[in-house]
Amino acid sequence: MVYIPKSTFMVDVQLINTTTDITVKSSDLLQPELKGQDTLYLPTFAFLIRHRASGRSVLFDCGSRKDWKNLPPAIVPSVSTSGVHIEKSVDEILIEGGQNLNELSSIIWR
């Protein structure tokens, strides 16, 4: 059992499906290769964290950009060998959900 002490510092955490789905050969990421698991399907998620008392919001990660072909030239070849499907950018998802982007206190990139 995990003991979590009582606190007045509560946050709400929302999981955001970034609509970024990546398909890669498992051998590109895993060693030894798993038999029968030739392909990995990698959905990606971001997290919107809201501190109730202060009203501050932090976005943890932003998924991938829709125009991934405009990423830095050193990254594009590795992404292009994977299957990449991106429907929306995280800013579009947040706006559709009613989040004012100017109210984000910070963004944590990972």
PDB file of N, CA and C in Angstrom:
ATOM      1  N   MET A   1       0.839  -1.171   0.000  1.00  0.00           N
ATOM      2  CA  MET A   1       0.000   0.000   0.000  1.00  0.00           C
ATOM      3  C   MET A   1       0.892   1.245   0.000  1.00  0.00           C
ATOM      4  N   VAL A   2       0.486   2.238  -0.757  1.00  0.00           N
ATOM      5  CA  VAL A   2       1.232   3.489  -0.845  1.00  0.00           C
ATOM      6  C   VAL A   2       0.544   4.531   0.029  1.00  0.00           C
ATOM      7  N   TYR A   3       1.311   5.169   0.878  1.00  0.00           N
ATOM      8  CA  TYR A   3       0.767   6.220   1.723  1.00  0.00           C
ATOM      9  C   TYR A   3       0.971   7.566   1.031  1.00  0.00           C
ATOM     10  N   ILE A   4      -0.112   8.279   0.815  1.00  0.00           N
ATOM     11  CA  ILE A   4      -0.041   9.624   0.243  1.00  0.00           C
ATOM     12  C   ILE A   4      -0.556  10.575   1.310  1.00  0.00           C
ATOM     13  N   PRO A   5       0.302  11.472   1.789  1.00  0.00           N
ATOM     14  CA  PRO A   5      -0.125  12.367   2.877  1.00  0.00           C
ATOM     15  C   PRO A   5      -1.200  13.343   2.413  1.00  0.00           C
ATOM     16  N   LYS A   6      -2.026  13.747   3.348  1.00  0.00           N
ATOM     17  CA  LYS A   6      -3.076  14.717   3.067  1.00  0.00           C
ATOM     18  C   LYS A   6      -2.428  16.033   2.629  1.00  0.00           C
ATOM     19  N   SER A   7      -3.040  16.677   1.650  1.00  0.00           N
ATOM     20  CA  SER A   7      -2.461  17.903   1.114  1.00  0.00           C
ATOM     21  C   SER A   7      -3.549  18.812   0.571  1.00  0.00           C
ATOM     22  N   THR A   8      -3.262  20.083   0.547  1.00  0.00           N
ATOM     23  CA  THR A   8      -4.166  21.037  -0.087  1.00  0.00           C
ATOM     24  C   THR A   8      -3.736  21.320  -1.524  1.00  0.00           C
ATOM     25  N   PHE A   9      -2.681  20.697  -1.958  1.00  0.00           N
ATOM     26  CA  PHE A   9      -2.156  20.916  -3.298  1.00  0.00           C
ATOM     27  C   PHE A   9      -2.690  19.839  -4.230  1.00  0.00           C
ATOM     28  N   MET A  10      -3.864  20.091  -4.767  1.00  0.00           N
ATOM     29  CA  MET A  10      -4.528  19.135  -5.645  1.00  0.00           C
ATOM     30  C   MET A  10      -4.467  19.636  -7.082  1.00  0.00           C
ATOM     31  N   VAL A  11      -4.321  18.697  -8.000  1.00  0.00           N
ATOM     32  CA  VAL A  11      -4.351  19.027  -9.419  1.00  0.00           C
ATOM     33  C   VAL A  11      -5.314  18.090 -10.128  1.00  0.00           C
ATOM     34  N   ASP A  12      -5.826  18.558 -11.239  1.00  0.00           N
ATOM     35  CA  ASP A  12      -6.615  17.721 -12.142  1.00  0.00           C
ATOM     36  C   ASP A  12      -5.702  17.397 -13.312  1.00  0.00           C
ATOM     37  N   VAL A  13      -5.709  16.154 -13.740  1.00  0.00           N
ATOM     38  CA  VAL A  13      -4.877  15.728 -14.858  1.00  0.00           C
ATOM     39  C   VAL A  13      -5.794  15.187 -15.947  1.00  0.00           C
ATOM     40  N   GLN A  14      -5.648  15.724 -17.143  1.00  0.00           N
ATOM     41  CA  GLN A  14      -6.420  15.247 -18.286  1.00  0.00           C
ATOM     42  C   GLN A  14      -5.465  14.619 -19.296  1.00  0.00           C
ATOM     43  N   LEU A  15      -5.804  13.419 -19.718  1.00  0.00           N
ATOM     44  CA  LEU A  15      -5.049  12.711 -20.748  1.00  0.00           C
ATOM     45  C   LEU A  15      -5.566  13.167 -22.099  1.00  0.00           C
ATOM     46  N   ILE A  16      -4.655  13.546 -22.979  1.00  0.00           N
ATOM     47  CA  ILE A  16      -5.033  14.012 -24.312  1.00  0.00           C
ATOM     48  C   ILE A  16      -4.470  13.058 -25.343  1.00  0.00           C
ATOM     49  N   ASN A  17      -5.356  12.461 -26.131  1.00  0.00           N
ATOM     50  CA  ASN A  17      -4.908  11.655 -27.262  1.00  0.00           C
ATOM     51  C   ASN A  17      -4.448  12.639 -28.335  1.00  0.00           C
ATOM     52  N   THR A  18      -3.164  12.657 -28.624  1.00  0.00           N
ATOM     53  CA  THR A  18      -2.618  13.646 -29.553  1.00  0.00           C
ATOM     54  C   THR A  18      -2.948  13.338 -31.008  1.00  0.00           C
ATOM     55  N   THR A  19      -3.639  12.259 -31.253  1.00  0.00           N
ATOM     56  CA  THR A  19      -3.980  11.755 -32.598  1.00  0.00           C
ATOM     57  C   THR A  19      -2.739  11.442 -33.424  1.00  0.00           C
ATOM     58  N   THR A  20      -1.613  11.269 -32.747  1.00  0.00           N
ATOM     59  CA  THR A  20      -0.377  10.876 -33.416  1.00  0.00           C
ATOM     60  C   THR A  20      -0.178   9.388 -33.194  1.00  0.00           C
ATOM     61  N   ASP A  21      -0.226   8.635 -34.264  1.00  0.00           N
ATOM     62  CA  ASP A  21       0.015   7.199 -34.198  1.00  0.00           C
ATOM     63  C   ASP A  21       1.238   6.876 -35.040  1.00  0.00           C
ATOM     64  N   ILE A  22       2.171   6.183 -34.435  1.00  0.00           N
ATOM     65  CA  ILE A  22       3.423   5.839 -35.105  1.00  0.00           C
ATOM     66  C   ILE A  22       3.533   4.319 -35.164  1.00  0.00           C
ATOM     67  N   THR A  23       3.915   3.809 -36.310  1.00  0.00           N
ATOM     68  CA  THR A  23       4.128   2.384 -36.495  1.00  0.00           C
ATOM     69  C   THR A  23       5.587   2.179 -36.865  1.00  0.00           C
ATOM     70  N   VAL A  24       6.298   1.337 -36.109  1.00  0.00           N
ATOM     71  CA  VAL A  24       7.710   1.081 -36.372  1.00  0.00           C
ATOM     72  C   VAL A  24       7.994  -0.413 -36.306  1.00  0.00           C
ATOM     73  N   LYS A  25       9.075  -0.809 -36.944  1.00  0.00           N
ATOM     74  CA  LYS A  25       9.547  -2.184 -36.799  1.00  0.00           C
ATOM     75  C   LYS A  25      10.037  -2.329 -35.369  1.00  0.00           C
ATOM     76  N   SER A  26       9.622  -3.388 -34.699  1.00  0.00           N
ATOM     77  CA  SER A  26      10.021  -3.561 -33.300  1.00  0.00           C
ATOM     78  C   SER A  26      11.531  -3.663 -33.158  1.00  0.00           C
ATOM     79  N   SER A  27      12.211  -4.190 -34.171  1.00  0.00           N
ATOM     80  CA  SER A  27      13.671  -4.312 -34.089  1.00  0.00           C
ATOM     81  C   SER A  27      14.366  -2.957 -34.059  1.00  0.00           C
ATOM     82  N   ASP A  28      13.667  -1.892 -34.474  1.00  0.00           N
ATOM     83  CA  ASP A  28      14.252  -0.548 -34.408  1.00  0.00           C
ATOM     84  C   ASP A  28      14.330  -0.038 -32.975  1.00  0.00           C
ATOM     85  N   LEU A  29      13.488  -0.594 -32.089  1.00  0.00           N
ATOM     86  CA  LEU A  29      13.432  -0.108 -30.710  1.00  0.00           C
ATOM     87  C   LEU A  29      13.737  -1.158 -29.654  1.00  0.00           C
ATOM     88  N   LEU A  30      13.539  -2.420 -29.975  1.00  0.00           N
ATOM     89  CA  LEU A  30      13.685  -3.478 -28.974  1.00  0.00           C
ATOM     90  C   LEU A  30      14.752  -4.490 -29.365  1.00  0.00           C
ATOM     91  N   GLN A  31      15.558  -4.859 -28.422  1.00  0.00           N
ATOM     92  CA  GLN A  31      16.538  -5.924 -28.608  1.00  0.00           C
ATOM     93  C   GLN A  31      16.507  -6.795 -27.368  1.00  0.00           C
ATOM     94  N   PRO A  32      16.427  -8.076 -27.414  1.00  0.00           N
ATOM     95  CA  PRO A  32      16.272  -8.861 -28.633  1.00  0.00           C
ATOM     96  C   PRO A  32      14.861  -8.701 -29.208  1.00  0.00           C
ATOM     97  N   GLU A  33      14.752  -8.963 -30.482  1.00  0.00           N
ATOM     98  CA  GLU A  33      13.469  -8.853 -31.159  1.00  0.00           C
ATOM     99  C   GLU A  33      12.503  -9.904 -30.617  1.00  0.00           C
ATOM    100  N   LEU A  34      11.271  -9.501 -30.417  1.00  0.00           N
ATOM    101  CA  LEU A  34      10.261 -10.415 -29.894  1.00  0.00           C
ATOM    102  C   LEU A  34       9.589 -11.156 -31.044  1.00  0.00           C
ATOM    103  N   LYS A  35       9.625 -12.480 -31.018  1.00  0.00           N
ATOM    104  CA  LYS A  35       8.989 -13.269 -32.080  1.00  0.00           C
ATOM    105  C   LYS A  35       7.488 -12.996 -32.085  1.00  0.00           C
ATOM    106  N   GLY A  36       6.943 -12.788 -33.266  1.00  0.00           N
ATOM    107  CA  GLY A  36       5.519 -12.514 -33.408  1.00  0.00           C
ATOM    108  C   GLY A  36       5.155 -11.065 -33.165  1.00  0.00           C
ATOM    109  N   GLN A  37       6.119 -10.264 -32.781  1.00  0.00           N
ATOM    110  CA  GLN A  37       5.889  -8.837 -32.537  1.00  0.00           C
ATOM    111  C   GLN A  37       6.778  -8.021 -33.465  1.00  0.00           C
ATOM    112  N   ASP A  38       6.539  -8.161 -34.756  1.00  0.00           N
ATOM    113  CA  ASP A  38       7.373  -7.487 -35.750  1.00  0.00           C
ATOM    114  C   ASP A  38       7.142  -5.981 -35.796  1.00  0.00           C
ATOM    115  N   THR A  39       5.944  -5.581 -35.417  1.00  0.00           N
ATOM    116  CA  THR A  39       5.562  -4.175 -35.529  1.00  0.00           C
ATOM    117  C   THR A  39       5.068  -3.653 -34.189  1.00  0.00           C
ATOM    118  N   LEU A  40       5.462  -2.425 -33.872  1.00  0.00           N
ATOM    119  CA  LEU A  40       4.964  -1.745 -32.682  1.00  0.00           C
ATOM    120  C   LEU A  40       4.042  -0.609 -33.123  1.00  0.00           C
ATOM    121  N   TYR A  41       2.916  -0.506 -32.472  1.00  0.00           N
ATOM    122  CA  TYR A  41       1.972   0.573 -32.725  1.00  0.00           C
ATOM    123  C   TYR A  41       2.043   1.516 -31.528  1.00  0.00           C
ATOM    124  N   LEU A  42       2.451   2.737 -31.774  1.00  0.00           N
ATOM    125  CA  LEU A  42       2.749   3.666 -30.693  1.00  0.00           C
ATOM    126  C   LEU A  42       1.837   4.891 -30.727  1.00  0.00           C
ATOM    127  N   PRO A  43       0.710   4.834 -30.002  1.00  0.00           N
ATOM    128  CA  PRO A  43      -0.080   6.059 -29.870  1.00  0.00           C
ATOM    129  C   PRO A  43       0.671   7.008 -28.947  1.00  0.00           C
ATOM    130  N   THR A  44       0.428   8.284 -29.065  1.00  0.00           N
ATOM    131  CA  THR A  44       1.104   9.237 -28.189  1.00  0.00           C
ATOM    132  C   THR A  44       0.075  10.086 -27.444  1.00  0.00           C
ATOM    133  N   PHE A  45       0.460  10.486 -26.248  1.00  0.00           N
ATOM    134  CA  PHE A  45      -0.450  11.221 -25.384  1.00  0.00           C
ATOM    135  C   PHE A  45       0.245  12.438 -24.786  1.00  0.00           C
ATOM    136  N   ALA A  46      -0.548  13.423 -24.444  1.00  0.00           N
ATOM    137  CA  ALA A  46      -0.083  14.604 -23.713  1.00  0.00           C
ATOM    138  C   ALA A  46      -0.952  14.697 -22.462  1.00  0.00           C
ATOM    139  N   PHE A  47      -0.545  15.543 -21.523  1.00  0.00           N
ATOM    140  CA  PHE A  47      -1.279  15.688 -20.269  1.00  0.00           C
ATOM    141  C   PHE A  47      -1.471  17.168 -19.965  1.00  0.00           C
ATOM    142  N   LEU A  48      -2.705  17.540 -19.676  1.00  0.00           N
ATOM    143  CA  LEU A  48      -3.016  18.892 -19.236  1.00  0.00           C
ATOM    144  C   LEU A  48      -3.214  18.819 -17.727  1.00  0.00           C
ATOM    145  N   ILE A  49      -2.386  19.561 -17.007  1.00  0.00           N
ATOM    146  CA  ILE A  49      -2.392  19.516 -15.547  1.00  0.00           C
ATOM    147  C   ILE A  49      -2.859  20.872 -15.032  1.00  0.00           C
ATOM    148  N   ARG A  50      -3.932  20.860 -14.246  1.00  0.00           N
ATOM    149  CA  ARG A  50      -4.504  22.103 -13.712  1.00  0.00           C
ATOM    150  C   ARG A  50      -4.418  22.103 -12.197  1.00  0.00           C
ATOM    151  N   HIS A  51      -3.876  23.192 -11.652  1.00  0.00           N
ATOM    152  CA  HIS A  51      -3.830  23.372 -10.204  1.00  0.00           C
ATOM    153  C   HIS A  51      -5.081  24.151  -9.809  1.00  0.00           C
ATOM    154  N   ARG A  52      -5.950  23.490  -9.074  1.00  0.00           N
ATOM    155  CA  ARG A  52      -7.261  24.071  -8.747  1.00  0.00           C
ATOM    156  C   ARG A  52      -7.152  25.404  -8.014  1.00  0.00           C
ATOM    157  N   ALA A  53      -6.318  25.455  -6.995  1.00  0.00           N
ATOM    158  CA  ALA A  53      -6.252  26.649  -6.141  1.00  0.00           C
ATOM    159  C   ALA A  53      -5.768  27.879  -6.895  1.00  0.00           C
ATOM    160  N   SER A  54      -4.768  27.738  -7.738  1.00  0.00           N
ATOM    161  CA  SER A  54      -4.205  28.893  -8.436  1.00  0.00           C
ATOM    162  C   SER A  54      -4.830  29.116  -9.804  1.00  0.00           C
ATOM    163  N   GLY A  55      -5.457  28.069 -10.347  1.00  0.00           N
ATOM    164  CA  GLY A  55      -6.019  28.172 -11.690  1.00  0.00           C
ATOM    165  C   GLY A  55      -4.985  28.027 -12.787  1.00  0.00           C
ATOM    166  N   ARG A  56      -3.733  27.732 -12.413  1.00  0.00           N
ATOM    167  CA  ARG A  56      -2.663  27.606 -13.405  1.00  0.00           C
ATOM    168  C   ARG A  56      -2.741  26.248 -14.096  1.00  0.00           C
ATOM    169  N   SER A  57      -2.376  26.239 -15.393  1.00  0.00           N
ATOM    170  CA  SER A  57      -2.374  25.018 -16.184  1.00  0.00           C
ATOM    171  C   SER A  57      -1.015  24.814 -16.823  1.00  0.00           C
ATOM    172  N   VAL A  58      -0.600  23.549 -16.869  1.00  0.00           N
ATOM    173  CA  VAL A  58       0.662  23.166 -17.497  1.00  0.00           C
ATOM    174  C   VAL A  58       0.353  22.069 -18.509  1.00  0.00           C
ATOM    175  N   LEU A  59       0.945  22.158 -19.678  1.00  0.00           N
ATOM    176  CA  LEU A  59       0.801  21.122 -20.690  1.00  0.00           C
ATOM    177  C   LEU A  59       2.081  20.301 -20.706  1.00  0.00           C
ATOM    178  N   PHE A  60       1.951  18.994 -20.487  1.00  0.00           N
ATOM    179  CA  PHE A  60       3.108  18.098 -20.525  1.00  0.00           C
ATOM    180  C   PHE A  60       3.089  17.396 -21.854  1.00  0.00           C
ATOM    181  N   ASP A  61       4.016  17.764 -22.716  1.00  0.00           N
ATOM    182  CA  ASP A  61       4.219  17.239 -24.067  1.00  0.00           C
ATOM    183  C   ASP A  61       3.211  17.836 -25.039  1.00  0.00           C
ATOM    184  N   CYS A  62       3.554  17.763 -26.299  1.00  0.00           N
ATOM    185  CA  CYS A  62       2.705  18.348 -27.336  1.00  0.00           C
ATOM    186  C   CYS A  62       2.486  17.413 -28.516  1.00  0.00           C
ATOM    187  N   GLY A  63       2.836  16.140 -28.365  1.00  0.00           N
ATOM    188  CA  GLY A  63       2.663  15.246 -29.500  1.00  0.00           C
ATOM    189  C   GLY A  63       3.592  15.648 -30.628  1.00  0.00           C
ATOM    190  N   SER A  64       3.211  15.290 -31.823  1.00  0.00           N
ATOM    191  CA  SER A  64       4.015  15.627 -33.007  1.00  0.00           C
ATOM    192  C   SER A  64       3.305  16.690 -33.825  1.00  0.00           C
ATOM    193  N   ARG A  65       4.060  17.422 -34.558  1.00  0.00           N
ATOM    194  CA  ARG A  65       3.463  18.411 -35.433  1.00  0.00           C
ATOM    195  C   ARG A  65       2.900  17.736 -36.678  1.00  0.00           C
ATOM    196  N   LYS A  66       1.805  18.279 -37.190  1.00  0.00           N
ATOM    197  CA  LYS A  66       1.161  17.688 -38.361  1.00  0.00           C
ATOM    198  C   LYS A  66       2.076  17.722 -39.579  1.00  0.00           C
ATOM    199  N   ASP A  67       2.853  18.749 -39.690  1.00  0.00           N
ATOM    200  CA  ASP A  67       3.759  18.876 -40.831  1.00  0.00           C
ATOM    201  C   ASP A  67       5.140  18.304 -40.493  1.00  0.00           C
ATOM    202  N   TRP A  68       5.170  17.045 -40.037  1.00  0.00           N
ATOM    203  CA  TRP A  68       6.403  16.419 -39.567  1.00  0.00           C
ATOM    204  C   TRP A  68       7.497  16.408 -40.621  1.00  0.00           C
ATOM    205  N   LYS A  69       7.142  16.561 -41.897  1.00  0.00           N
ATOM    206  CA  LYS A  69       8.167  16.595 -42.950  1.00  0.00           C
ATOM    207  C   LYS A  69       9.004  17.868 -42.867  1.00  0.00           C
ATOM    208  N   ASN A  70       8.557  18.844 -42.056  1.00  0.00           N
ATOM    209  CA  ASN A  70       9.311  20.080 -41.846  1.00  0.00           C
ATOM    210  C   ASN A  70      10.101  20.065 -40.539  1.00  0.00           C
ATOM    211  N   LEU A  71      10.219  18.880 -39.926  1.00  0.00           N
ATOM    212  CA  LEU A  71      11.082  18.744 -38.752  1.00  0.00           C
ATOM    213  C   LEU A  71      12.530  18.978 -39.174  1.00  0.00           C
ATOM    214  N   PRO A  72      13.458  19.096 -38.247  1.00  0.00           N
ATOM    215  CA  PRO A  72      14.859  19.274 -38.622  1.00  0.00           C
ATOM    216  C   PRO A  72      15.316  18.150 -39.562  1.00  0.00           C
ATOM    217  N   PRO A  73      16.107  18.491 -40.589  1.00  0.00           N
ATOM    218  CA  PRO A  73      16.526  17.512 -41.599  1.00  0.00           C
ATOM    219  C   PRO A  73      17.147  16.235 -41.026  1.00  0.00           C
ATOM    220  N   ALA A  74      17.792  16.316 -39.888  1.00  0.00           N
ATOM    221  CA  ALA A  74      18.412  15.120 -39.306  1.00  0.00           C
ATOM    222  C   ALA A  74      17.365  14.137 -38.779  1.00  0.00           C
ATOM    223  N   ILE A  75      16.162  14.614 -38.493  1.00  0.00           N
ATOM    224  CA  ILE A  75      15.123  13.762 -37.909  1.00  0.00           C
ATOM    225  C   ILE A  75      14.193  13.174 -38.965  1.00  0.00           C
ATOM    226  N   VAL A  76      13.954  13.894 -40.049  1.00  0.00           N
ATOM    227  CA  VAL A  76      12.974  13.479 -41.051  1.00  0.00           C
ATOM    228  C   VAL A  76      13.217  12.061 -41.582  1.00  0.00           C
ATOM    229  N   PRO A  77      14.458  11.663 -41.917  1.00  0.00           N
ATOM    230  CA  PRO A  77      14.632  10.296 -42.439  1.00  0.00           C
ATOM    231  C   PRO A  77      14.178   9.205 -41.473  1.00  0.00           C
ATOM    232  N   SER A  78      14.447   9.364 -40.189  1.00  0.00           N
ATOM    233  CA  SER A  78      14.037   8.327 -39.243  1.00  0.00           C
ATOM    234  C   SER A  78      12.522   8.292 -39.084  1.00  0.00           C
ATOM    235  N   VAL A  79      11.877   9.435 -39.160  1.00  0.00           N
ATOM    236  CA  VAL A  79      10.419   9.476 -39.050  1.00  0.00           C
ATOM    237  C   VAL A  79       9.780   8.931 -40.321  1.00  0.00           C
ATOM    238  N   SER A  80      10.364   9.232 -41.466  1.00  0.00           N
ATOM    239  CA  SER A  80       9.757   8.812 -42.731  1.00  0.00           C
ATOM    240  C   SER A  80       9.831   7.306 -42.948  1.00  0.00           C
ATOM    241  N   THR A  81      10.745   6.606 -42.261  1.00  0.00           N
ATOM    242  CA  THR A  81      10.795   5.147 -42.387  1.00  0.00           C
ATOM    243  C   THR A  81       9.741   4.487 -41.517  1.00  0.00           C
ATOM    244  N   SER A  82       9.125   5.262 -40.628  1.00  0.00           N
ATOM    245  CA  SER A  82       8.041   4.762 -39.780  1.00  0.00           C
ATOM    246  C   SER A  82       6.717   5.116 -40.424  1.00  0.00           C
ATOM    247  N   GLY A  83       5.675   4.439 -40.007  1.00  0.00           N
ATOM    248  CA  GLY A  83       4.342   4.852 -40.410  1.00  0.00           C
ATOM    249  C   GLY A  83       3.884   5.927 -39.449  1.00  0.00           C
ATOM    250  N   VAL A  84       3.568   7.098 -39.948  1.00  0.00           N
ATOM    251  CA  VAL A  84       3.147   8.204 -39.097  1.00  0.00           C
ATOM    252  C   VAL A  84       1.785   8.692 -39.572  1.00  0.00           C
ATOM    253  N   HIS A  85       0.852   8.782 -38.620  1.00  0.00           N
ATOM    254  CA  HIS A  85      -0.475   9.314 -38.932  1.00  0.00           C
ATOM    255  C   HIS A  85      -0.814  10.338 -37.853  1.00  0.00           C
ATOM    256  N   ILE A  86      -1.039  11.573 -38.282  1.00  0.00           N
ATOM    257  CA  ILE A  86      -1.361  12.653 -37.347  1.00  0.00           C
ATOM    258  C   ILE A  86      -2.604  13.362 -37.864  1.00  0.00           C
ATOM    259  N   GLU A  87      -3.674  13.326 -37.081  1.00  0.00           N
ATOM    260  CA  GLU A  87      -4.919  13.971 -37.496  1.00  0.00           C
ATOM    261  C   GLU A  87      -4.961  15.444 -37.130  1.00  0.00           C
ATOM    262  N   LYS A  88      -4.552  15.750 -35.891  1.00  0.00           N
ATOM    263  CA  LYS A  88      -4.655  17.125 -35.397  1.00  0.00           C
ATOM    264  C   LYS A  88      -3.433  17.452 -34.555  1.00  0.00           C
ATOM    265  N   SER A  89      -3.128  18.717 -34.471  1.00  0.00           N
ATOM    266  CA  SER A  89      -2.081  19.144 -33.551  1.00  0.00           C
ATOM    267  C   SER A  89      -2.712  19.353 -32.171  1.00  0.00           C
ATOM    268  N   VAL A  90      -1.898  19.301 -31.132  1.00  0.00           N
ATOM    269  CA  VAL A  90      -2.419  19.419 -29.774  1.00  0.00           C
ATOM    270  C   VAL A  90      -3.085  20.774 -29.554  1.00  0.00           C
ATOM    271  N   ASP A  91      -2.564  21.833 -30.160  1.00  0.00           N
ATOM    272  CA  ASP A  91      -3.223  23.130 -29.984  1.00  0.00           C
ATOM    273  C   ASP A  91      -4.645  23.099 -30.557  1.00  0.00           C
ATOM    274  N   GLU A  92      -4.848  22.422 -31.681  1.00  0.00           N
ATOM    275  CA  GLU A  92      -6.194  22.296 -32.244  1.00  0.00           C
ATOM    276  C   GLU A  92      -7.116  21.520 -31.291  1.00  0.00           C
ATOM    277  N   ILE A  93      -6.591  20.450 -30.721  1.00  0.00           N
ATOM    278  CA  ILE A  93      -7.374  19.624 -29.799  1.00  0.00           C
ATOM    279  C   ILE A  93      -7.766  20.435 -28.568  1.00  0.00           C
ATOM    280  N   LEU A  94      -6.813  21.190 -28.022  1.00  0.00           N
ATOM    281  CA  LEU A  94      -7.101  21.999 -26.835  1.00  0.00           C
ATOM    282  C   LEU A  94      -8.143  23.074 -27.121  1.00  0.00           C
ATOM    283  N   ILE A  95      -8.002  23.767 -28.239  1.00  0.00           N
ATOM    284  CA  ILE A  95      -8.950  24.821 -28.601  1.00  0.00           C
ATOM    285  C   ILE A  95     -10.349  24.235 -28.790  1.00  0.00           C
ATOM    286  N   GLU A  96     -10.431  23.070 -29.481  1.00  0.00           N
ATOM    287  CA  GLU A  96     -11.728  22.418 -29.666  1.00  0.00           C
ATOM    288  C   GLU A  96     -12.352  22.032 -28.328  1.00  0.00           C
ATOM    289  N   GLY A  97     -11.508  21.732 -27.336  1.00  0.00           N
ATOM    290  CA  GLY A  97     -11.991  21.364 -26.012  1.00  0.00           C
ATOM    291  C   GLY A  97     -12.271  22.559 -25.113  1.00  0.00           C
ATOM    292  N   GLY A  98     -12.100  23.775 -25.632  1.00  0.00           N
ATOM    293  CA  GLY A  98     -12.424  24.970 -24.870  1.00  0.00           C
ATOM    294  C   GLY A  98     -11.273  25.558 -24.065  1.00  0.00           C
ATOM    295  N   GLN A  99     -10.057  25.060 -24.274  1.00  0.00           N
ATOM    296  CA  GLN A  99      -8.901  25.579 -23.541  1.00  0.00           C
ATOM    297  C   GLN A  99      -8.348  26.818 -24.244  1.00  0.00           C
ATOM    298  N   ASN A 100      -8.227  27.900 -23.515  1.00  0.00           N
ATOM    299  CA  ASN A 100      -7.588  29.106 -24.026  1.00  0.00           C
ATOM    300  C   ASN A 100      -6.077  28.887 -23.917  1.00  0.00           C
ATOM    301  N   LEU A 101      -5.380  28.874 -25.034  1.00  0.00           N
ATOM    302  CA  LEU A 101      -3.939  28.592 -25.025  1.00  0.00           C
ATOM    303  C   LEU A 101      -3.153  29.641 -24.260  1.00  0.00           C
ATOM    304  N   ASN A 102      -3.667  30.852 -24.198  1.00  0.00           N
ATOM    305  CA  ASN A 102      -2.987  31.912 -23.453  1.00  0.00           C
ATOM    306  C   ASN A 102      -3.037  31.698 -21.950  1.00  0.00           C
ATOM    307  N   GLU A 103      -3.889  30.797 -21.496  1.00  0.00           N
ATOM    308  CA  GLU A 103      -3.994  30.509 -20.066  1.00  0.00           C
ATOM    309  C   GLU A 103      -3.012  29.433 -19.608  1.00  0.00           C
ATOM    310  N   LEU A 104      -2.263  28.841 -20.538  1.00  0.00           N
ATOM    311  CA  LEU A 104      -1.256  27.846 -20.151  1.00  0.00           C
ATOM    312  C   LEU A 104      -0.083  28.563 -19.485  1.00  0.00           C
ATOM    313  N   SER A 105       0.261  28.113 -18.301  1.00  0.00           N
ATOM    314  CA  SER A 105       1.387  28.725 -17.582  1.00  0.00           C
ATOM    315  C   SER A 105       2.713  28.304 -18.184  1.00  0.00           C
ATOM    316  N   SER A 106       2.782  27.056 -18.602  1.00  0.00           N
ATOM    317  CA  SER A 106       4.013  26.563 -19.204  1.00  0.00           C
ATOM    318  C   SER A 106       3.751  25.275 -19.962  1.00  0.00           C
ATOM    319  N   ILE A 107       4.735  24.906 -20.768  1.00  0.00           N
ATOM    320  CA  ILE A 107       4.705  23.659 -21.537  1.00  0.00           C
ATOM    321  C   ILE A 107       5.985  22.917 -21.217  1.00  0.00           C
ATOM    322  N   ILE A 108       5.836  21.653 -20.882  1.00  0.00           N
ATOM    323  CA  ILE A 108       6.990  20.811 -20.595  1.00  0.00           C
ATOM    324  C   ILE A 108       7.201  19.876 -21.777  1.00  0.00           C
ATOM    325  N   TRP A 109       8.321  20.036 -22.466  1.00  0.00           N
ATOM    326  CA  TRP A 109       8.634  19.191 -23.620  1.00  0.00           C
ATOM    327  C   TRP A 109       9.398  17.960 -23.131  1.00  0.00           C
ATOM    328  N   ARG A 110       9.074  16.837 -23.717  1.00  0.00           N
ATOM    329  CA  ARG A 110       9.863  15.649 -23.384  1.00  0.00           C
ATOM    330  C   ARG A 110      10.363  14.998 -24.629  1.00  0.00           C
TER     331      ARG A 110
END
